């Protein structure tokens, strides 16, 4: 959905009602990454120019990704030997 359309949809809602655009964006990105949606997809949907911006902001939500990658690489190296 285009950013302008989203802003228009939520324009009448006030922060006092607990609705803030960046809160929705953060929740969306957090849930997407927490459910193993690739960071490249999330970065594109968020409108980030690169995944580095997404990674810097949300890397704390992917703590197991380095461990998982290491396991996959380790298994592949042992199978190849």
PDB file of N, CA and C in Angstrom:
ATOM      1  N   UNK A   1       0.850  -1.178   0.000  1.00  0.00           N
ATOM      2  CA  UNK A   1       0.000   0.000   0.000  1.00  0.00           C
ATOM      3  C   UNK A   1       0.895   1.240   0.000  1.00  0.00           C
ATOM      4  N   UNK A   2       0.544   2.171  -0.784  1.00  0.00           N
ATOM      5  CA  UNK A   2       1.305   3.410  -0.903  1.00  0.00           C
ATOM      6  C   UNK A   2       1.299   4.188   0.414  1.00  0.00           C
ATOM      7  N   UNK A   3       2.429   4.814   0.748  1.00  0.00           N
ATOM      8  CA  UNK A   3       2.529   5.548   2.016  1.00  0.00           C
ATOM      9  C   UNK A   3       1.469   6.631   2.139  1.00  0.00           C
ATOM     10  N   UNK A   4       1.223   7.345   1.047  1.00  0.00           N
ATOM     11  CA  UNK A   4       0.224   8.424   1.118  1.00  0.00           C
ATOM     12  C   UNK A   4      -1.160   7.875   1.444  1.00  0.00           C
ATOM     13  N   UNK A   5      -1.488   6.736   0.873  1.00  0.00           N
ATOM     14  CA  UNK A   5      -2.793   6.126   1.153  1.00  0.00           C
ATOM     15  C   UNK A   5      -2.888   5.700   2.613  1.00  0.00           C
ATOM     16  N   UNK A   6      -1.802   5.140   3.123  1.00  0.00           N
ATOM     17  CA  UNK A   6      -1.806   4.707   4.524  1.00  0.00           C
ATOM     18  C   UNK A   6      -1.954   5.912   5.442  1.00  0.00           C
ATOM     19  N   UNK A   7      -1.187   6.968   5.164  1.00  0.00           N
ATOM     20  CA  UNK A   7      -1.300   8.181   5.992  1.00  0.00           C
ATOM     21  C   UNK A   7      -2.711   8.734   5.962  1.00  0.00           C
ATOM     22  N   UNK A   8      -3.337   8.733   4.793  1.00  0.00           N
ATOM     23  CA  UNK A   8      -4.701   9.251   4.670  1.00  0.00           C
ATOM     24  C   UNK A   8      -5.675   8.398   5.485  1.00  0.00           C
ATOM     25  N   UNK A   9      -5.487   7.084   5.452  1.00  0.00           N
ATOM     26  CA  UNK A   9      -6.366   6.188   6.214  1.00  0.00           C
ATOM     27  C   UNK A   9      -6.320   6.471   7.710  1.00  0.00           C
ATOM     28  N   UNK A  10      -5.123   6.816   8.210  1.00  0.00           N
ATOM     29  CA  UNK A  10      -4.944   7.011   9.641  1.00  0.00           C
ATOM     30  C   UNK A  10      -4.891   8.482  10.059  1.00  0.00           C
ATOM     31  N   UNK A  11      -5.154   9.371   9.130  1.00  0.00           N
ATOM     32  CA  UNK A  11      -5.027  10.808   9.410  1.00  0.00           C
ATOM     33  C   UNK A  11      -5.964  11.284  10.509  1.00  0.00           C
ATOM     34  N   UNK A  12      -7.149  10.703  10.610  1.00  0.00           N
ATOM     35  CA  UNK A  12      -8.120  11.155  11.591  1.00  0.00           C
ATOM     36  C   UNK A  12      -7.917  10.551  12.979  1.00  0.00           C
ATOM     37  N   UNK A  13      -7.023   9.584  13.092  1.00  0.00           N
ATOM     38  CA  UNK A  13      -6.787   8.956  14.384  1.00  0.00           C
ATOM     39  C   UNK A  13      -5.717   9.735  15.136  1.00  0.00           C
ATOM     40  N   UNK A  14      -5.967   9.987  16.385  1.00  0.00           N
ATOM     41  CA  UNK A  14      -5.017  10.772  17.172  1.00  0.00           C
ATOM     42  C   UNK A  14      -4.138   9.863  18.021  1.00  0.00           C
ATOM     43  N   UNK A  15      -2.937  10.339  18.401  1.00  0.00           N
ATOM     44  CA  UNK A  15      -2.068   9.555  19.277  1.00  0.00           C
ATOM     45  C   UNK A  15      -2.725   9.236  20.610  1.00  0.00           C
ATOM     46  N   UNK A  16      -3.668  10.096  21.041  1.00  0.00           N
ATOM     47  CA  UNK A  16      -4.355   9.830  22.304  1.00  0.00           C
ATOM     48  C   UNK A  16      -5.142   8.528  22.246  1.00  0.00           C
ATOM     49  N   UNK A  17      -5.515   8.116  21.038  1.00  0.00           N
ATOM     50  CA  UNK A  17      -6.240   6.862  20.877  1.00  0.00           C
ATOM     51  C   UNK A  17      -5.292   5.676  20.802  1.00  0.00           C
ATOM     52  N   UNK A  18      -4.016   5.939  20.984  1.00  0.00           N
ATOM     53  CA  UNK A  18      -3.024   4.876  20.980  1.00  0.00           C
ATOM     54  C   UNK A  18      -2.586   4.457  19.592  1.00  0.00           C
ATOM     55  N   UNK A  19      -2.862   5.274  18.600  1.00  0.00           N
ATOM     56  CA  UNK A  19      -2.516   4.918  17.232  1.00  0.00           C
ATOM     57  C   UNK A  19      -1.452   5.884  16.714  1.00  0.00           C
ATOM     58  N   UNK A  20      -0.285   5.355  16.445  1.00  0.00           N
ATOM     59  CA  UNK A  20       0.784   6.160  15.861  1.00  0.00           C
ATOM     60  C   UNK A  20       1.351   5.388  14.686  1.00  0.00           C
ATOM     61  N   UNK A  21       1.581   6.073  13.592  1.00  0.00           N
ATOM     62  CA  UNK A  21       2.036   5.421  12.376  1.00  0.00           C
ATOM     63  C   UNK A  21       3.328   4.638  12.577  1.00  0.00           C
ATOM     64  N   UNK A  22       4.300   5.214  13.249  1.00  0.00           N
ATOM     65  CA  UNK A  22       5.559   4.508  13.425  1.00  0.00           C
ATOM     66  C   UNK A  22       5.416   3.304  14.338  1.00  0.00           C
ATOM     67  N   UNK A  23       4.450   3.347  15.229  1.00  0.00           N
ATOM     68  CA  UNK A  23       4.175   2.177  16.055  1.00  0.00           C
ATOM     69  C   UNK A  23       3.669   1.025  15.208  1.00  0.00           C
ATOM     70  N   UNK A  24       2.791   1.319  14.252  1.00  0.00           N
ATOM     71  CA  UNK A  24       2.306   0.291  13.335  1.00  0.00           C
ATOM     72  C   UNK A  24       3.451  -0.265  12.490  1.00  0.00           C
ATOM     73  N   UNK A  25       4.301   0.635  11.997  1.00  0.00           N
ATOM     74  CA  UNK A  25       5.425   0.201  11.172  1.00  0.00           C
ATOM     75  C   UNK A  25       6.350  -0.718  11.974  1.00  0.00           C
ATOM     76  N   UNK A  26       6.654  -0.313  13.200  1.00  0.00           N
ATOM     77  CA  UNK A  26       7.534  -1.115  14.045  1.00  0.00           C
ATOM     78  C   UNK A  26       6.912  -2.481  14.344  1.00  0.00           C
ATOM     79  N   UNK A  27       5.625  -2.486  14.683  1.00  0.00           N
ATOM     80  CA  UNK A  27       4.941  -3.751  14.951  1.00  0.00           C
ATOM     81  C   UNK A  27       4.964  -4.656  13.724  1.00  0.00           C
ATOM     82  N   UNK A  28       4.701  -4.075  12.551  1.00  0.00           N
ATOM     83  CA  UNK A  28       4.699  -4.851  11.329  1.00  0.00           C
ATOM     84  C   UNK A  28       6.066  -5.484  11.086  1.00  0.00           C
ATOM     85  N   UNK A  29       7.101  -4.662  11.130  1.00  0.00           N
ATOM     86  CA  UNK A  29       8.451  -5.170  10.876  1.00  0.00           C
ATOM     87  C   UNK A  29       8.853  -6.208  11.923  1.00  0.00           C
ATOM     88  N   UNK A  30       8.538  -5.932  13.173  1.00  0.00           N
ATOM     89  CA  UNK A  30       8.875  -6.866  14.252  1.00  0.00           C
ATOM     90  C   UNK A  30       8.206  -8.212  14.049  1.00  0.00           C
ATOM     91  N   UNK A  31       6.915  -8.184  13.737  1.00  0.00           N
ATOM     92  CA  UNK A  31       6.185  -9.435  13.525  1.00  0.00           C
ATOM     93  C   UNK A  31       6.676 -10.173  12.295  1.00  0.00           C
ATOM     94  N   UNK A  32       6.942  -9.443  11.229  1.00  0.00           N
ATOM     95  CA  UNK A  32       7.416 -10.084  10.001  1.00  0.00           C
ATOM     96  C   UNK A  32       8.755 -10.781  10.251  1.00  0.00           C
ATOM     97  N   UNK A  33       9.709 -10.069  10.828  1.00  0.00           N
ATOM     98  CA  UNK A  33      11.023 -10.654  11.076  1.00  0.00           C
ATOM     99  C   UNK A  33      10.960 -11.769  12.118  1.00  0.00           C
ATOM    100  N   UNK A  34      10.112 -11.598  13.115  1.00  0.00           N
ATOM    101  CA  UNK A  34       9.952 -12.624  14.140  1.00  0.00           C
ATOM    102  C   UNK A  34       9.340 -13.900  13.609  1.00  0.00           C
ATOM    103  N   UNK A  35       8.685 -13.802  12.450  1.00  0.00           N
ATOM    104  CA  UNK A  35       8.074 -14.978  11.823  1.00  0.00           C
ATOM    105  C   UNK A  35       8.867 -15.439  10.599  1.00  0.00           C
ATOM    106  N   UNK A  36      10.151 -15.108  10.612  1.00  0.00           N
ATOM    107  CA  UNK A  36      11.105 -15.593   9.604  1.00  0.00           C
ATOM    108  C   UNK A  36      10.846 -15.124   8.177  1.00  0.00           C
ATOM    109  N   UNK A  37      10.193 -13.990   8.012  1.00  0.00           N
ATOM    110  CA  UNK A  37      10.089 -13.397   6.683  1.00  0.00           C
ATOM    111  C   UNK A  37      11.440 -12.773   6.382  1.00  0.00           C
ATOM    112  N   UNK A  38      11.988 -13.023   5.207  1.00  0.00           N
ATOM    113  CA  UNK A  38      13.332 -12.522   4.890  1.00  0.00           C
ATOM    114  C   UNK A  38      13.456 -11.006   5.047  1.00  0.00           C
ATOM    115  N   UNK A  39      14.593 -10.592   5.590  1.00  0.00           N
ATOM    116  CA  UNK A  39      14.832  -9.173   5.836  1.00  0.00           C
ATOM    117  C   UNK A  39      14.804  -8.369   4.538  1.00  0.00           C
ATOM    118  N   UNK A  40      15.161  -9.003   3.428  1.00  0.00           N
ATOM    119  CA  UNK A  40      15.117  -8.297   2.144  1.00  0.00           C
ATOM    120  C   UNK A  40      13.691  -7.903   1.795  1.00  0.00           C
ATOM    121  N   UNK A  41      12.740  -8.789   2.065  1.00  0.00           N
ATOM    122  CA  UNK A  41      11.334  -8.478   1.805  1.00  0.00           C
ATOM    123  C   UNK A  41      10.832  -7.388   2.744  1.00  0.00           C
ATOM    124  N   UNK A  42      11.169  -7.515   4.027  1.00  0.00           N
ATOM    125  CA  UNK A  42      10.730  -6.522   5.012  1.00  0.00           C
ATOM    126  C   UNK A  42      11.294  -5.145   4.668  1.00  0.00           C
ATOM    127  N   UNK A  43      12.558  -5.096   4.287  1.00  0.00           N
ATOM    128  CA  UNK A  43      13.182  -3.815   3.915  1.00  0.00           C
ATOM    129  C   UNK A  43      12.442  -3.175   2.743  1.00  0.00           C
ATOM    130  N   UNK A  44      12.101  -3.978   1.760  1.00  0.00           N
ATOM    131  CA  UNK A  44      11.372  -3.444   0.600  1.00  0.00           C
ATOM    132  C   UNK A  44       9.996  -2.928   1.008  1.00  0.00           C
ATOM    133  N   UNK A  45       9.268  -3.705   1.803  1.00  0.00           N
ATOM    134  CA  UNK A  45       7.934  -3.299   2.235  1.00  0.00           C
ATOM    135  C   UNK A  45       7.973  -2.044   3.099  1.00  0.00           C
ATOM    136  N   UNK A  46       9.047  -1.899   3.880  1.00  0.00           N
ATOM    137  CA  UNK A  46       9.169  -0.734   4.749  1.00  0.00           C
ATOM    138  C   UNK A  46       9.607   0.512   3.976  1.00  0.00           C
ATOM    139  N   UNK A  47      10.049   0.312   2.741  1.00  0.00           N
ATOM    140  CA  UNK A  47      10.495   1.436   1.942  1.00  0.00           C
ATOM    141  C   UNK A  47      11.916   1.861   2.240  1.00  0.00           C
ATOM    142  N   UNK A  48      12.676   0.976   2.884  1.00  0.00           N
ATOM    143  CA  UNK A  48      14.074   1.281   3.175  1.00  0.00           C
ATOM    144  C   UNK A  48      14.894   1.176   1.902  1.00  0.00           C
ATOM    145  N   UNK A  49      15.866   2.061   1.746  1.00  0.00           N
ATOM    146  CA  UNK A  49      16.699   2.061   0.541  1.00  0.00           C
ATOM    147  C   UNK A  49      17.641   0.871   0.502  1.00  0.00           C
ATOM    148  N   UNK A  50      17.979   0.326   1.652  1.00  0.00           N
ATOM    149  CA  UNK A  50      18.851  -0.846   1.709  1.00  0.00           C
ATOM    150  C   UNK A  50      18.485  -1.673   2.942  1.00  0.00           C
ATOM    151  N   UNK A  51      18.922  -2.930   2.928  1.00  0.00           N
ATOM    152  CA  UNK A  51      18.618  -3.767   4.092  1.00  0.00           C
ATOM    153  C   UNK A  51      19.452  -3.367   5.295  1.00  0.00           C
ATOM    154  N   UNK A  52      20.516  -2.593   5.078  1.00  0.00           N
ATOM    155  CA  UNK A  52      21.329  -2.150   6.214  1.00  0.00           C
ATOM    156  C   UNK A  52      20.505  -1.313   7.185  1.00  0.00           C
ATOM    157  N   UNK A  53      19.649  -0.461   6.656  1.00  0.00           N
ATOM    158  CA  UNK A  53      18.787   0.354   7.518  1.00  0.00           C
ATOM    159  C   UNK A  53      17.861  -0.540   8.335  1.00  0.00           C
ATOM    160  N   UNK A  54      17.282  -1.519   7.675  1.00  0.00           N
ATOM    161  CA  UNK A  54      16.385  -2.455   8.358  1.00  0.00           C
ATOM    162  C   UNK A  54      17.154  -3.261   9.392  1.00  0.00           C
ATOM    163  N   UNK A  55      18.322  -3.730   9.002  1.00  0.00           N
ATOM    164  CA  UNK A  55      19.136  -4.536   9.910  1.00  0.00           C
ATOM    165  C   UNK A  55      19.550  -3.753  11.144  1.00  0.00           C
ATOM    166  N   UNK A  56      20.004  -2.518  10.962  1.00  0.00           N
ATOM    167  CA  UNK A  56      20.417  -1.696  12.115  1.00  0.00           C
ATOM    168  C   UNK A  56      19.269  -1.492  13.095  1.00  0.00           C
ATOM    169  N   UNK A  57      18.067  -1.333  12.560  1.00  0.00           N
ATOM    170  CA  UNK A  57      16.911  -1.058  13.414  1.00  0.00           C
ATOM    171  C   UNK A  57      16.356  -2.307  14.083  1.00  0.00           C
ATOM    172  N   UNK A  58      16.362  -3.421  13.362  1.00  0.00           N
ATOM    173  CA  UNK A  58      15.648  -4.608  13.843  1.00  0.00           C
ATOM    174  C   UNK A  58      16.520  -5.833  14.097  1.00  0.00           C
ATOM    175  N   UNK A  59      17.843  -5.695  14.097  1.00  0.00           N
ATOM    176  CA  UNK A  59      18.706  -6.871  14.250  1.00  0.00           C
ATOM    177  C   UNK A  59      18.498  -7.589  15.574  1.00  0.00           C
ATOM    178  N   UNK A  60      18.052  -6.862  16.590  1.00  0.00           N
ATOM    179  CA  UNK A  60      17.817  -7.499  17.889  1.00  0.00           C
ATOM    180  C   UNK A  60      16.685  -8.525  17.831  1.00  0.00           C
ATOM    181  N   UNK A  61      15.882  -8.476  16.784  1.00  0.00           N
ATOM    182  CA  UNK A  61      14.777  -9.424  16.642  1.00  0.00           C
ATOM    183  C   UNK A  61      15.208 -10.714  15.951  1.00  0.00           C
ATOM    184  N   UNK A  62      16.463 -10.764  15.507  1.00  0.00           N
ATOM    185  CA  UNK A  62      16.945 -11.923  14.781  1.00  0.00           C
ATOM    186  C   UNK A  62      18.154 -12.544  15.467  1.00  0.00           C
ATOM    187  N   UNK A  63      18.117 -12.755  16.778  1.00  0.00           N
ATOM    188  CA  UNK A  63      19.318 -13.240  17.463  1.00  0.00           C
ATOM    189  C   UNK A  63      19.751 -14.628  17.027  1.00  0.00           C
ATOM    190  N   UNK A  64      18.831 -15.462  16.615  1.00  0.00           N
ATOM    191  CA  UNK A  64      19.196 -16.823  16.231  1.00  0.00           C
ATOM    192  C   UNK A  64      19.675 -16.947  14.807  1.00  0.00           C
ATOM    193  N   UNK A  65      19.624 -15.884  14.038  1.00  0.00           N
ATOM    194  CA  UNK A  65      19.957 -16.007  12.627  1.00  0.00           C
ATOM    195  C   UNK A  65      21.425 -16.335  12.406  1.00  0.00           C
ATOM    196  N   UNK A  66      22.324 -15.776  13.204  1.00  0.00           N
ATOM    197  CA  UNK A  66      23.748 -16.067  13.052  1.00  0.00           C
ATOM    198  C   UNK A  66      24.026 -17.513  13.466  1.00  0.00           C
ATOM    199  N   UNK A  67      23.419 -17.945  14.547  1.00  0.00           N
ATOM    200  CA  UNK A  67      23.596 -19.320  14.998  1.00  0.00           C
ATOM    201  C   UNK A  67      23.051 -20.294  13.960  1.00  0.00           C
ATOM    202  N   UNK A  68      21.883 -19.994  13.414  1.00  0.00           N
ATOM    203  CA  UNK A  68      21.277 -20.854  12.406  1.00  0.00           C
ATOM    204  C   UNK A  68      22.164 -20.922  11.165  1.00  0.00           C
ATOM    205  N   UNK A  69      22.662 -19.778  10.725  1.00  0.00           N
ATOM    206  CA  UNK A  69      23.536 -19.745   9.551  1.00  0.00           C
ATOM    207  C   UNK A  69      24.804 -20.552   9.804  1.00  0.00           C
ATOM    208  N   UNK A  70      25.375 -20.424  10.993  1.00  0.00           N
ATOM    209  CA  UNK A  70      26.588 -21.175  11.322  1.00  0.00           C
ATOM    210  C   UNK A  70      26.328 -22.676  11.280  1.00  0.00           C
ATOM    211  N   UNK A  71      25.184 -23.112  11.794  1.00  0.00           N
ATOM    212  CA  UNK A  71      24.840 -24.538  11.769  1.00  0.00           C
ATOM    213  C   UNK A  71      24.704 -25.043  10.338  1.00  0.00           C
ATOM    214  N   UNK A  72      24.036 -24.274   9.499  1.00  0.00           N
ATOM    215  CA  UNK A  72      23.840 -24.662   8.099  1.00  0.00           C
ATOM    216  C   UNK A  72      25.176 -24.753   7.378  1.00  0.00           C
ATOM    217  N   UNK A  73      26.018 -23.741   7.567  1.00  0.00           N
ATOM    218  CA  UNK A  73      27.324 -23.751   6.922  1.00  0.00           C
ATOM    219  C   UNK A  73      28.185 -24.895   7.431  1.00  0.00           C
ATOM    220  N   UNK A  74      28.158 -25.126   8.733  1.00  0.00           N
ATOM    221  CA  UNK A  74      28.949 -26.193   9.328  1.00  0.00           C
ATOM    222  C   UNK A  74      28.506 -27.550   8.773  1.00  0.00           C
ATOM    223  N   UNK A  75      27.213 -27.771   8.693  1.00  0.00           N
ATOM    224  CA  UNK A  75      26.698 -29.034   8.164  1.00  0.00           C
ATOM    225  C   UNK A  75      27.124 -29.207   6.705  1.00  0.00           C
ATOM    226  N   UNK A  76      27.059 -28.142   5.934  1.00  0.00           N
ATOM    227  CA  UNK A  76      27.440 -28.201   4.529  1.00  0.00           C
ATOM    228  C   UNK A  76      28.917 -28.489   4.342  1.00  0.00           C
ATOM    229  N   UNK A  77      29.745 -27.892   5.196  1.00  0.00           N
ATOM    230  CA  UNK A  77      31.194 -28.127   5.102  1.00  0.00           C
ATOM    231  C   UNK A  77      31.552 -29.557   5.438  1.00  0.00           C
ATOM    232  N   UNK A  78      30.884 -30.117   6.449  1.00  0.00           N
ATOM    233  CA  UNK A  78      31.193 -31.500   6.829  1.00  0.00           C
ATOM    234  C   UNK A  78      30.700 -32.478   5.787  1.00  0.00           C
ATOM    235  N   UNK A  79      29.569 -32.182   5.155  1.00  0.00           N
ATOM    236  CA  UNK A  79      29.047 -33.078   4.125  1.00  0.00           C
ATOM    237  C   UNK A  79      29.932 -33.062   2.903  1.00  0.00           C
ATOM    238  N   UNK A  80      30.518 -31.894   2.604  1.00  0.00           N
ATOM    239  CA  UNK A  80      31.360 -31.758   1.419  1.00  0.00           C
ATOM    240  C   UNK A  80      32.713 -32.434   1.599  1.00  0.00           C
ATOM    241  N   UNK A  81      33.133 -32.646   2.845  1.00  0.00           N
ATOM    242  CA  UNK A  81      34.468 -33.214   3.104  1.00  0.00           C
ATOM    243  C   UNK A  81      34.514 -34.703   2.871  1.00  0.00           C
TER     244      UNK A  81
END
